[in-house]
């Protein structure tokens, strides 16, 4: 099966080729397709973006496939590409589950989840839909998570996903309505507020500001966009009192680890908490 790993970043292309060549060998006939979503689908990526992938399978992974893929994801961080070898983030999604959203929590075959199960890819959130096998940004470990089993991911992949191999994502995913997106992002906001909005460093503070802006933009427009575009929109649209906070979050550039890992000033953390709750009030 032909691969299309021609992004703007040669080192990423090498990592993706390695990932897909071995994934297709491990999965064999269970492989359906491989795609990029997130910033690569929205068209707002940079040399420091996460590379959000989704690999679609006919059925959930069996024990042999899982063993092979776990070995592969342990190997990828050893590749000679300093950023992109740890820049991958994504899931292995069974096609029947990916096709349409279900609000009824389902467990993978033979893997019942207890009532106290906390999603490792969603800040410990409870079971909500169906957990894919997921690899977090910077991680070499596969875990069960519903991180990518969302309407936002389905919309992004269906409307703008980059096909690395396989059929058009519109052939795999039912349309996602604007109202479905609005419902989900409102629930997402409630979920992350309930976690307490931890801000161990400036990167997290900027993340909460950007995510809140993007949620409001989705509610306003019925589509998914980048945090950068959403923050530009928010600066022009929301109460001018928040322009400074948004501008500071917008100014933090990926790759600036020295700034991103600094502690958050107490006044900035308090302002971020107030901004997120302000956004929730507007969202509702």
C-alpha atoms as a PDB file:
ATOM      1  CA  UNK A   1       0.000   0.000   0.000  1.00  0.00           C
ATOM      2  CA  UNK A   2       1.397   3.407  -1.003  1.00  0.00           C
ATOM      3  CA  UNK A   3       2.561   5.832   1.705  1.00  0.00           C
ATOM      4  CA  UNK A   4       2.205   9.615   1.580  1.00  0.00           C
ATOM      5  CA  UNK A   5       4.565  10.948   4.236  1.00  0.00           C
ATOM      6  CA  UNK A   6       5.530  14.148   2.446  1.00  0.00           C
ATOM      7  CA  UNK A   7       5.046  16.840   5.088  1.00  0.00           C
ATOM      8  CA  UNK A   8       7.021  20.086   5.204  1.00  0.00           C
ATOM      9  CA  UNK A   9       9.472  18.541   7.688  1.00  0.00           C
ATOM     10  CA  UNK A  10      11.977  15.964   6.356  1.00  0.00           C
ATOM     11  CA  UNK A  11      12.785  14.524   9.788  1.00  0.00           C
ATOM     12  CA  UNK A  12       9.091  14.055  10.545  1.00  0.00           C
ATOM     13  CA  UNK A  13       8.696  12.309   7.197  1.00  0.00           C
ATOM     14  CA  UNK A  14      11.389   9.832   8.258  1.00  0.00           C
ATOM     15  CA  UNK A  15       9.674   9.193  11.599  1.00  0.00           C
ATOM     16  CA  UNK A  16       6.277   8.724   9.952  1.00  0.00           C
ATOM     17  CA  UNK A  17       7.723   6.367   7.352  1.00  0.00           C
ATOM     18  CA  UNK A  18       9.278   4.309  10.145  1.00  0.00           C
ATOM     19  CA  UNK A  19       6.009   4.289  12.106  1.00  0.00           C
ATOM     20  CA  UNK A  20       3.828   3.304   9.173  1.00  0.00           C
ATOM     21  CA  UNK A  21       6.140   0.761   7.565  1.00  0.00           C
ATOM     22  CA  UNK A  22       6.333  -1.192  10.800  1.00  0.00           C
ATOM     23  CA  UNK A  23       2.697  -0.617  11.788  1.00  0.00           C
ATOM     24  CA  UNK A  24       1.437  -1.965   8.471  1.00  0.00           C
ATOM     25  CA  UNK A  25       3.694  -5.011   8.818  1.00  0.00           C
ATOM     26  CA  UNK A  26       2.473  -5.666  12.374  1.00  0.00           C
ATOM     27  CA  UNK A  27      -1.214  -5.155  11.598  1.00  0.00           C
ATOM     28  CA  UNK A  28      -1.304  -6.923   8.225  1.00  0.00           C
ATOM     29  CA  UNK A  29      -4.895  -7.342   7.066  1.00  0.00           C
ATOM     30  CA  UNK A  30      -6.158  -5.482  10.135  1.00  0.00           C
ATOM     31  CA  UNK A  31      -4.760  -2.191   8.773  1.00  0.00           C
ATOM     32  CA  UNK A  32      -7.340   0.190   7.228  1.00  0.00           C
ATOM     33  CA  UNK A  33      -5.609   3.561   6.989  1.00  0.00           C
ATOM     34  CA  UNK A  34      -3.326   6.117   8.616  1.00  0.00           C
ATOM     35  CA  UNK A  35      -3.975   9.840   8.935  1.00  0.00           C
ATOM     36  CA  UNK A  36      -2.778  13.095  10.458  1.00  0.00           C
ATOM     37  CA  UNK A  37      -5.291  15.234  12.314  1.00  0.00           C
ATOM     38  CA  UNK A  38      -4.852  18.118  14.761  1.00  0.00           C
ATOM     39  CA  UNK A  39      -2.750  21.053  13.554  1.00  0.00           C
ATOM     40  CA  UNK A  40      -1.674  19.210  10.403  1.00  0.00           C
ATOM     41  CA  UNK A  41      -5.319  18.845   9.369  1.00  0.00           C
ATOM     42  CA  UNK A  42      -6.290  22.367  10.405  1.00  0.00           C
ATOM     43  CA  UNK A  43      -3.280  23.818   8.573  1.00  0.00           C
ATOM     44  CA  UNK A  44      -1.599  25.636  11.457  1.00  0.00           C
ATOM     45  CA  UNK A  45       1.414  23.466  12.220  1.00  0.00           C
ATOM     46  CA  UNK A  46       4.983  24.518  12.953  1.00  0.00           C
ATOM     47  CA  UNK A  47       8.330  22.768  13.492  1.00  0.00           C
ATOM     48  CA  UNK A  48       7.314  22.466  17.174  1.00  0.00           C
ATOM     49  CA  UNK A  49       3.771  21.164  16.735  1.00  0.00           C
ATOM     50  CA  UNK A  50       2.576  17.852  18.057  1.00  0.00           C
ATOM     51  CA  UNK A  51       2.057  15.412  15.203  1.00  0.00           C
ATOM     52  CA  UNK A  52      -1.404  13.972  15.895  1.00  0.00           C
ATOM     53  CA  UNK A  53      -1.892  10.683  14.070  1.00  0.00           C
ATOM     54  CA  UNK A  54      -4.775   8.251  13.867  1.00  0.00           C
ATOM     55  CA  UNK A  55      -4.339   4.711  12.606  1.00  0.00           C
ATOM     56  CA  UNK A  56      -7.591   2.945  11.753  1.00  0.00           C
ATOM     57  CA  UNK A  57      -7.982  -0.817  12.083  1.00  0.00           C
ATOM     58  CA  UNK A  58     -10.769  -3.207  11.134  1.00  0.00           C
ATOM     59  CA  UNK A  59     -10.889  -4.581  14.676  1.00  0.00           C
ATOM     60  CA  UNK A  60      -9.371  -3.629  18.012  1.00  0.00           C
ATOM     61  CA  UNK A  61      -5.788  -4.742  18.492  1.00  0.00           C
ATOM     62  CA  UNK A  62      -5.171  -8.340  19.476  1.00  0.00           C
ATOM     63  CA  UNK A  63      -2.426  -9.419  21.873  1.00  0.00           C
ATOM     64  CA  UNK A  64       0.147 -10.093  19.132  1.00  0.00           C
ATOM     65  CA  UNK A  65      -0.464  -6.734  17.448  1.00  0.00           C
ATOM     66  CA  UNK A  66      -0.348  -4.882  20.737  1.00  0.00           C
ATOM     67  CA  UNK A  67       2.968  -6.485  21.674  1.00  0.00           C
ATOM     68  CA  UNK A  68       4.482  -5.486  18.334  1.00  0.00           C
ATOM     69  CA  UNK A  69       3.201  -1.929  18.475  1.00  0.00           C
ATOM     70  CA  UNK A  70       4.338  -1.464  22.061  1.00  0.00           C
ATOM     71  CA  UNK A  71       7.816  -2.533  20.979  1.00  0.00           C
ATOM     72  CA  UNK A  72       7.651  -0.097  18.048  1.00  0.00           C
ATOM     73  CA  UNK A  73       6.676   2.872  20.228  1.00  0.00           C
ATOM     74  CA  UNK A  74       9.513   2.057  22.632  1.00  0.00           C
ATOM     75  CA  UNK A  75      11.869   2.134  19.641  1.00  0.00           C
ATOM     76  CA  UNK A  76      10.713   5.388  18.018  1.00  0.00           C
ATOM     77  CA  UNK A  77      12.243   7.693  20.700  1.00  0.00           C
ATOM     78  CA  UNK A  78      15.653   6.192  19.868  1.00  0.00           C
ATOM     79  CA  UNK A  79      15.521   7.387  16.243  1.00  0.00           C
ATOM     80  CA  UNK A  80      18.044  10.099  15.275  1.00  0.00           C
ATOM     81  CA  UNK A  81      15.510  12.931  14.996  1.00  0.00           C
ATOM     82  CA  UNK A  82      15.597  14.952  18.248  1.00  0.00           C
ATOM     83  CA  UNK A  83      12.190  16.620  18.135  1.00  0.00           C
ATOM     84  CA  UNK A  84       9.890  14.506  16.012  1.00  0.00           C
ATOM     85  CA  UNK A  85      10.858  11.195  17.576  1.00  0.00           C
ATOM     86  CA  UNK A  86       8.967  12.366  20.670  1.00  0.00           C
ATOM     87  CA  UNK A  87       6.504  14.601  18.823  1.00  0.00           C
ATOM     88  CA  UNK A  88       4.039  11.889  17.866  1.00  0.00           C
ATOM     89  CA  UNK A  89       0.672  11.662  19.607  1.00  0.00           C
ATOM     90  CA  UNK A  90      -2.167   9.482  18.471  1.00  0.00           C
ATOM     91  CA  UNK A  91      -4.428   6.481  18.659  1.00  0.00           C
ATOM     92  CA  UNK A  92      -5.288   3.164  17.054  1.00  0.00           C
ATOM     93  CA  UNK A  93      -9.024   3.313  16.355  1.00  0.00           C
ATOM     94  CA  UNK A  94     -11.288   0.412  15.336  1.00  0.00           C
ATOM     95  CA  UNK A  95     -13.243   1.501  12.253  1.00  0.00           C
ATOM     96  CA  UNK A  96     -16.706   0.524  13.588  1.00  0.00           C
ATOM     97  CA  UNK A  97     -16.147   2.697  16.695  1.00  0.00           C
ATOM     98  CA  UNK A  98     -14.642   5.603  14.749  1.00  0.00           C
ATOM     99  CA  UNK A  99     -17.469   5.721  12.218  1.00  0.00           C
ATOM    100  CA  UNK A 100     -20.025   7.329  14.488  1.00  0.00           C
ATOM    101  CA  UNK A 101     -20.204   8.780  17.974  1.00  0.00           C
ATOM    102  CA  UNK A 102     -21.873   6.873  20.782  1.00  0.00           C
ATOM    103  CA  UNK A 103     -22.767   8.292  24.175  1.00  0.00           C
ATOM    104  CA  UNK A 104     -23.018   4.812  25.682  1.00  0.00           C
ATOM    105  CA  UNK A 105     -19.744   3.810  27.401  1.00  0.00           C
ATOM    106  CA  UNK A 106     -18.420   0.551  25.974  1.00  0.00           C
ATOM    107  CA  UNK A 107     -15.479  -1.540  27.121  1.00  0.00           C
ATOM    108  CA  UNK A 108     -13.081  -3.213  24.681  1.00  0.00           C
ATOM    109  CA  UNK A 109     -13.678  -6.968  24.306  1.00  0.00           C
ATOM    110  CA  UNK A 110     -12.362  -8.809  27.338  1.00  0.00           C
ATOM    111  CA  UNK A 111     -11.253  -5.582  29.068  1.00  0.00           C
ATOM    112  CA  UNK A 112     -13.947  -4.502  31.523  1.00  0.00           C
ATOM    113  CA  UNK A 113     -13.271  -1.205  33.297  1.00  0.00           C
ATOM    114  CA  UNK A 114     -14.149  -0.719  36.914  1.00  0.00           C
ATOM    115  CA  UNK A 115     -16.335   2.119  38.133  1.00  0.00           C
ATOM    116  CA  UNK A 116     -13.236   3.867  39.456  1.00  0.00           C
ATOM    117  CA  UNK A 117     -11.358   3.761  36.114  1.00  0.00           C
ATOM    118  CA  UNK A 118      -9.579   7.040  35.376  1.00  0.00           C
ATOM    119  CA  UNK A 119      -8.559   7.887  31.819  1.00  0.00           C
ATOM    120  CA  UNK A 120      -4.762   8.433  31.736  1.00  0.00           C
ATOM    121  CA  UNK A 121      -5.072  10.527  28.581  1.00  0.00           C
ATOM    122  CA  UNK A 122      -7.843  12.779  29.905  1.00  0.00           C
ATOM    123  CA  UNK A 123      -6.568  13.867  33.317  1.00  0.00           C
ATOM    124  CA  UNK A 124      -8.163  10.880  35.034  1.00  0.00           C
ATOM    125  CA  UNK A 125     -11.679  11.465  33.661  1.00  0.00           C
ATOM    126  CA  UNK A 126     -14.154   8.561  34.040  1.00  0.00           C
ATOM    127  CA  UNK A 127     -15.239   6.229  31.233  1.00  0.00           C
ATOM    128  CA  UNK A 128     -17.329   8.078  28.671  1.00  0.00           C
ATOM    129  CA  UNK A 129     -17.311   6.261  25.336  1.00  0.00           C
ATOM    130  CA  UNK A 130     -14.726   3.672  24.185  1.00  0.00           C
ATOM    131  CA  UNK A 131     -10.971   3.802  24.858  1.00  0.00           C
ATOM    132  CA  UNK A 132      -8.595   3.462  21.916  1.00  0.00           C
ATOM    133  CA  UNK A 133      -4.969   2.436  22.334  1.00  0.00           C
ATOM    134  CA  UNK A 134      -3.257   5.821  22.706  1.00  0.00           C
ATOM    135  CA  UNK A 135       0.286   7.235  22.787  1.00  0.00           C
ATOM    136  CA  UNK A 136       0.634  10.633  24.456  1.00  0.00           C
ATOM    137  CA  UNK A 137       2.958  13.377  23.208  1.00  0.00           C
ATOM    138  CA  UNK A 138       6.486  12.572  24.327  1.00  0.00           C
ATOM    139  CA  UNK A 139       5.548   9.125  25.635  1.00  0.00           C
ATOM    140  CA  UNK A 140       6.753   5.704  24.522  1.00  0.00           C
ATOM    141  CA  UNK A 141       3.926   3.856  26.269  1.00  0.00           C
ATOM    142  CA  UNK A 142       0.555   2.777  24.859  1.00  0.00           C
ATOM    143  CA  UNK A 143      -2.430   3.146  27.192  1.00  0.00           C
ATOM    144  CA  UNK A 144      -6.177   2.818  26.902  1.00  0.00           C
ATOM    145  CA  UNK A 145      -7.681   6.301  26.538  1.00  0.00           C
ATOM    146  CA  UNK A 146     -10.672   8.092  25.059  1.00  0.00           C
ATOM    147  CA  UNK A 147      -8.451  11.099  24.276  1.00  0.00           C
ATOM    148  CA  UNK A 148      -9.098  10.799  20.518  1.00  0.00           C
ATOM    149  CA  UNK A 149     -12.557   9.238  20.637  1.00  0.00           C
ATOM    150  CA  UNK A 150     -14.270  12.602  20.305  1.00  0.00           C
ATOM    151  CA  UNK A 151     -16.441  14.554  17.932  1.00  0.00           C
ATOM    152  CA  UNK A 152     -13.699  17.190  17.609  1.00  0.00           C
ATOM    153  CA  UNK A 153     -11.232  14.573  16.339  1.00  0.00           C
ATOM    154  CA  UNK A 154     -13.843  13.067  14.008  1.00  0.00           C
ATOM    155  CA  UNK A 155     -14.722  16.485  12.552  1.00  0.00           C
ATOM    156  CA  UNK A 156     -11.070  17.467  12.157  1.00  0.00           C
ATOM    157  CA  UNK A 157     -10.111  14.185  10.530  1.00  0.00           C
ATOM    158  CA  UNK A 158     -13.168  14.056   8.260  1.00  0.00           C
ATOM    159  CA  UNK A 159     -12.983  17.665   7.108  1.00  0.00           C
ATOM    160  CA  UNK A 160      -9.226  18.139   6.795  1.00  0.00           C
ATOM    161  CA  UNK A 161      -7.317  14.996   7.684  1.00  0.00           C
ATOM    162  CA  UNK A 162      -4.078  14.254   5.857  1.00  0.00           C
ATOM    163  CA  UNK A 163      -4.190  10.797   4.285  1.00  0.00           C
ATOM    164  CA  UNK A 164      -0.911   8.966   4.841  1.00  0.00           C
ATOM    165  CA  UNK A 165      -2.332   5.708   3.546  1.00  0.00           C
ATOM    166  CA  UNK A 166      -5.831   4.342   3.024  1.00  0.00           C
ATOM    167  CA  UNK A 167      -9.259   5.638   1.998  1.00  0.00           C
ATOM    168  CA  UNK A 168     -10.631   9.163   2.229  1.00  0.00           C
ATOM    169  CA  UNK A 169     -11.647   9.754   5.882  1.00  0.00           C
ATOM    170  CA  UNK A 170     -15.102  10.795   4.654  1.00  0.00           C
ATOM    171  CA  UNK A 171     -15.568   7.129   3.740  1.00  0.00           C
ATOM    172  CA  UNK A 172     -14.823   6.118   7.335  1.00  0.00           C
ATOM    173  CA  UNK A 173     -16.554   8.764   9.462  1.00  0.00           C
ATOM    174  CA  UNK A 174     -20.167   9.943   9.487  1.00  0.00           C
ATOM    175  CA  UNK A 175     -20.723  13.726   9.279  1.00  0.00           C
ATOM    176  CA  UNK A 176     -20.383  15.609  12.572  1.00  0.00           C
ATOM    177  CA  UNK A 177     -22.889  18.425  13.003  1.00  0.00           C
ATOM    178  CA  UNK A 178     -22.095  21.868  14.383  1.00  0.00           C
ATOM    179  CA  UNK A 179     -24.506  21.235  17.264  1.00  0.00           C
ATOM    180  CA  UNK A 180     -22.687  17.998  18.129  1.00  0.00           C
ATOM    181  CA  UNK A 181     -19.414  19.907  18.271  1.00  0.00           C
ATOM    182  CA  UNK A 182     -20.942  22.614  20.461  1.00  0.00           C
ATOM    183  CA  UNK A 183     -22.347  20.072  22.900  1.00  0.00           C
ATOM    184  CA  UNK A 184     -19.043  18.273  23.214  1.00  0.00           C
ATOM    185  CA  UNK A 185     -16.829  21.317  23.749  1.00  0.00           C
ATOM    186  CA  UNK A 186     -19.163  22.616  26.458  1.00  0.00           C
ATOM    187  CA  UNK A 187     -18.831  19.273  28.230  1.00  0.00           C
ATOM    188  CA  UNK A 188     -15.063  19.388  27.725  1.00  0.00           C
ATOM    189  CA  UNK A 189     -14.896  22.758  29.431  1.00  0.00           C
ATOM    190  CA  UNK A 190     -16.887  21.485  32.405  1.00  0.00           C
ATOM    191  CA  UNK A 191     -14.591  18.447  32.621  1.00  0.00           C
ATOM    192  CA  UNK A 192     -11.334  20.362  32.707  1.00  0.00           C
ATOM    193  CA  UNK A 193     -12.688  22.933  35.163  1.00  0.00           C
ATOM    194  CA  UNK A 194     -13.591  20.034  37.439  1.00  0.00           C
ATOM    195  CA  UNK A 195      -9.932  18.905  37.389  1.00  0.00           C
ATOM    196  CA  UNK A 196      -8.894  22.162  39.052  1.00  0.00           C
ATOM    197  CA  UNK A 197      -6.959  23.729  36.142  1.00  0.00           C
ATOM    198  CA  UNK A 198      -3.507  22.771  37.359  1.00  0.00           C
ATOM    199  CA  UNK A 199      -0.788  25.216  36.247  1.00  0.00           C
ATOM    200  CA  UNK A 200       2.583  23.790  37.248  1.00  0.00           C
ATOM    201  CA  UNK A 201       4.279  25.963  34.624  1.00  0.00           C
ATOM    202  CA  UNK A 202       3.556  28.765  32.143  1.00  0.00           C
ATOM    203  CA  UNK A 203       2.964  26.273  29.326  1.00  0.00           C
ATOM    204  CA  UNK A 204      -0.096  24.913  31.144  1.00  0.00           C
ATOM    205  CA  UNK A 205      -1.426  28.377  31.934  1.00  0.00           C
ATOM    206  CA  UNK A 206      -1.191  29.332  28.250  1.00  0.00           C
ATOM    207  CA  UNK A 207      -2.797  26.014  27.299  1.00  0.00           C
ATOM    208  CA  UNK A 208      -5.907  26.706  29.403  1.00  0.00           C
ATOM    209  CA  UNK A 209      -6.273  30.182  27.907  1.00  0.00           C
ATOM    210  CA  UNK A 210      -5.891  28.893  24.355  1.00  0.00           C
ATOM    211  CA  UNK A 211      -8.244  25.963  24.863  1.00  0.00           C
ATOM    212  CA  UNK A 212     -10.935  28.221  26.346  1.00  0.00           C
ATOM    213  CA  UNK A 213     -10.669  30.549  23.349  1.00  0.00           C
ATOM    214  CA  UNK A 214     -10.926  27.617  20.954  1.00  0.00           C
ATOM    215  CA  UNK A 215     -14.002  26.253  22.716  1.00  0.00           C
ATOM    216  CA  UNK A 216     -15.748  29.612  22.443  1.00  0.00           C
ATOM    217  CA  UNK A 217     -14.761  29.880  18.781  1.00  0.00           C
ATOM    218  CA  UNK A 218     -16.221  26.433  18.076  1.00  0.00           C
ATOM    219  CA  UNK A 219     -19.459  27.406  19.817  1.00  0.00           C
ATOM    220  CA  UNK A 220     -19.608  30.581  17.742  1.00  0.00           C
ATOM    221  CA  UNK A 221     -18.723  29.052  14.360  1.00  0.00           C
ATOM    222  CA  UNK A 222     -19.599  25.357  14.579  1.00  0.00           C
ATOM    223  CA  UNK A 223     -16.141  24.309  13.385  1.00  0.00           C
ATOM    224  CA  UNK A 224     -12.737  23.457  14.834  1.00  0.00           C
ATOM    225  CA  UNK A 225      -9.758  25.746  14.462  1.00  0.00           C
ATOM    226  CA  UNK A 226      -6.290  26.191  15.937  1.00  0.00           C
ATOM    227  CA  UNK A 227      -5.651  27.802  19.301  1.00  0.00           C
ATOM    228  CA  UNK A 228      -3.723  30.567  17.510  1.00  0.00           C
ATOM    229  CA  UNK A 229      -6.644  31.478  15.261  1.00  0.00           C
ATOM    230  CA  UNK A 230      -9.074  31.199  18.166  1.00  0.00           C
ATOM    231  CA  UNK A 231      -6.975  33.521  20.344  1.00  0.00           C
ATOM    232  CA  UNK A 232      -6.774  36.079  17.537  1.00  0.00           C
ATOM    233  CA  UNK A 233     -10.559  35.900  17.248  1.00  0.00           C
ATOM    234  CA  UNK A 234     -10.992  36.165  21.026  1.00  0.00           C
ATOM    235  CA  UNK A 235      -8.829  39.274  21.259  1.00  0.00           C
ATOM    236  CA  UNK A 236     -11.098  41.001  18.746  1.00  0.00           C
ATOM    237  CA  UNK A 237     -14.382  39.639  20.126  1.00  0.00           C
ATOM    238  CA  UNK A 238     -14.301  39.162  23.895  1.00  0.00           C
ATOM    239  CA  UNK A 239     -14.301  41.782  26.634  1.00  0.00           C
ATOM    240  CA  UNK A 240     -11.212  43.996  26.115  1.00  0.00           C
ATOM    241  CA  UNK A 241     -10.274  43.380  29.751  1.00  0.00           C
ATOM    242  CA  UNK A 242      -8.926  39.969  28.701  1.00  0.00           C
ATOM    243  CA  UNK A 243      -6.774  41.131  25.789  1.00  0.00           C
ATOM    244  CA  UNK A 244      -3.558  41.282  27.792  1.00  0.00           C
ATOM    245  CA  UNK A 245      -3.975  37.782  29.232  1.00  0.00           C
ATOM    246  CA  UNK A 246      -4.774  36.341  25.803  1.00  0.00           C
ATOM    247  CA  UNK A 247      -1.873  38.190  24.182  1.00  0.00           C
ATOM    248  CA  UNK A 248       0.597  36.808  26.715  1.00  0.00           C
ATOM    249  CA  UNK A 249      -0.661  33.272  26.180  1.00  0.00           C
ATOM    250  CA  UNK A 250      -0.577  33.813  22.421  1.00  0.00           C
ATOM    251  CA  UNK A 251       3.033  35.030  22.613  1.00  0.00           C
ATOM    252  CA  UNK A 252       4.346  31.800  24.183  1.00  0.00           C
ATOM    253  CA  UNK A 253       5.948  29.920  21.325  1.00  0.00           C
ATOM    254  CA  UNK A 254       6.318  26.163  21.139  1.00  0.00           C
ATOM    255  CA  UNK A 255       9.945  25.256  21.427  1.00  0.00           C
ATOM    256  CA  UNK A 256      10.670  28.023  23.949  1.00  0.00           C
ATOM    257  CA  UNK A 257      11.227  25.581  26.791  1.00  0.00           C
ATOM    258  CA  UNK A 258      13.057  28.088  28.954  1.00  0.00           C
ATOM    259  CA  UNK A 259       9.984  30.334  29.146  1.00  0.00           C
ATOM    260  CA  UNK A 260       7.384  27.577  29.049  1.00  0.00           C
ATOM    261  CA  UNK A 261       8.736  25.769  32.110  1.00  0.00           C
ATOM    262  CA  UNK A 262       8.871  28.832  34.367  1.00  0.00           C
ATOM    263  CA  UNK A 263       6.436  28.914  37.299  1.00  0.00           C
ATOM    264  CA  UNK A 264       3.213  30.856  36.816  1.00  0.00           C
ATOM    265  CA  UNK A 265       2.937  34.129  38.732  1.00  0.00           C
ATOM    266  CA  UNK A 266       0.102  33.904  41.301  1.00  0.00           C
ATOM    267  CA  UNK A 267      -1.725  36.894  39.782  1.00  0.00           C
ATOM    268  CA  UNK A 268      -1.549  35.342  36.311  1.00  0.00           C
ATOM    269  CA  UNK A 269      -2.844  32.016  37.600  1.00  0.00           C
ATOM    270  CA  UNK A 270      -5.748  33.750  39.334  1.00  0.00           C
ATOM    271  CA  UNK A 271      -6.563  35.738  36.186  1.00  0.00           C
ATOM    272  CA  UNK A 272      -6.515  32.532  34.136  1.00  0.00           C
ATOM    273  CA  UNK A 273      -8.957  30.876  36.529  1.00  0.00           C
ATOM    274  CA  UNK A 274     -11.299  33.858  36.211  1.00  0.00           C
ATOM    275  CA  UNK A 275     -10.959  33.879  32.421  1.00  0.00           C
ATOM    276  CA  UNK A 276     -11.819  30.199  32.093  1.00  0.00           C
ATOM    277  CA  UNK A 277     -14.934  30.636  34.242  1.00  0.00           C
ATOM    278  CA  UNK A 278     -15.858  33.732  32.221  1.00  0.00           C
ATOM    279  CA  UNK A 279     -15.607  31.630  29.073  1.00  0.00           C
ATOM    280  CA  UNK A 280     -17.733  28.878  30.587  1.00  0.00           C
ATOM    281  CA  UNK A 281     -20.451  31.417  31.400  1.00  0.00           C
ATOM    282  CA  UNK A 282     -20.386  32.606  27.767  1.00  0.00           C
ATOM    283  CA  UNK A 283     -20.403  28.995  26.508  1.00  0.00           C
ATOM    284  CA  UNK A 284     -23.557  28.215  28.440  1.00  0.00           C
END
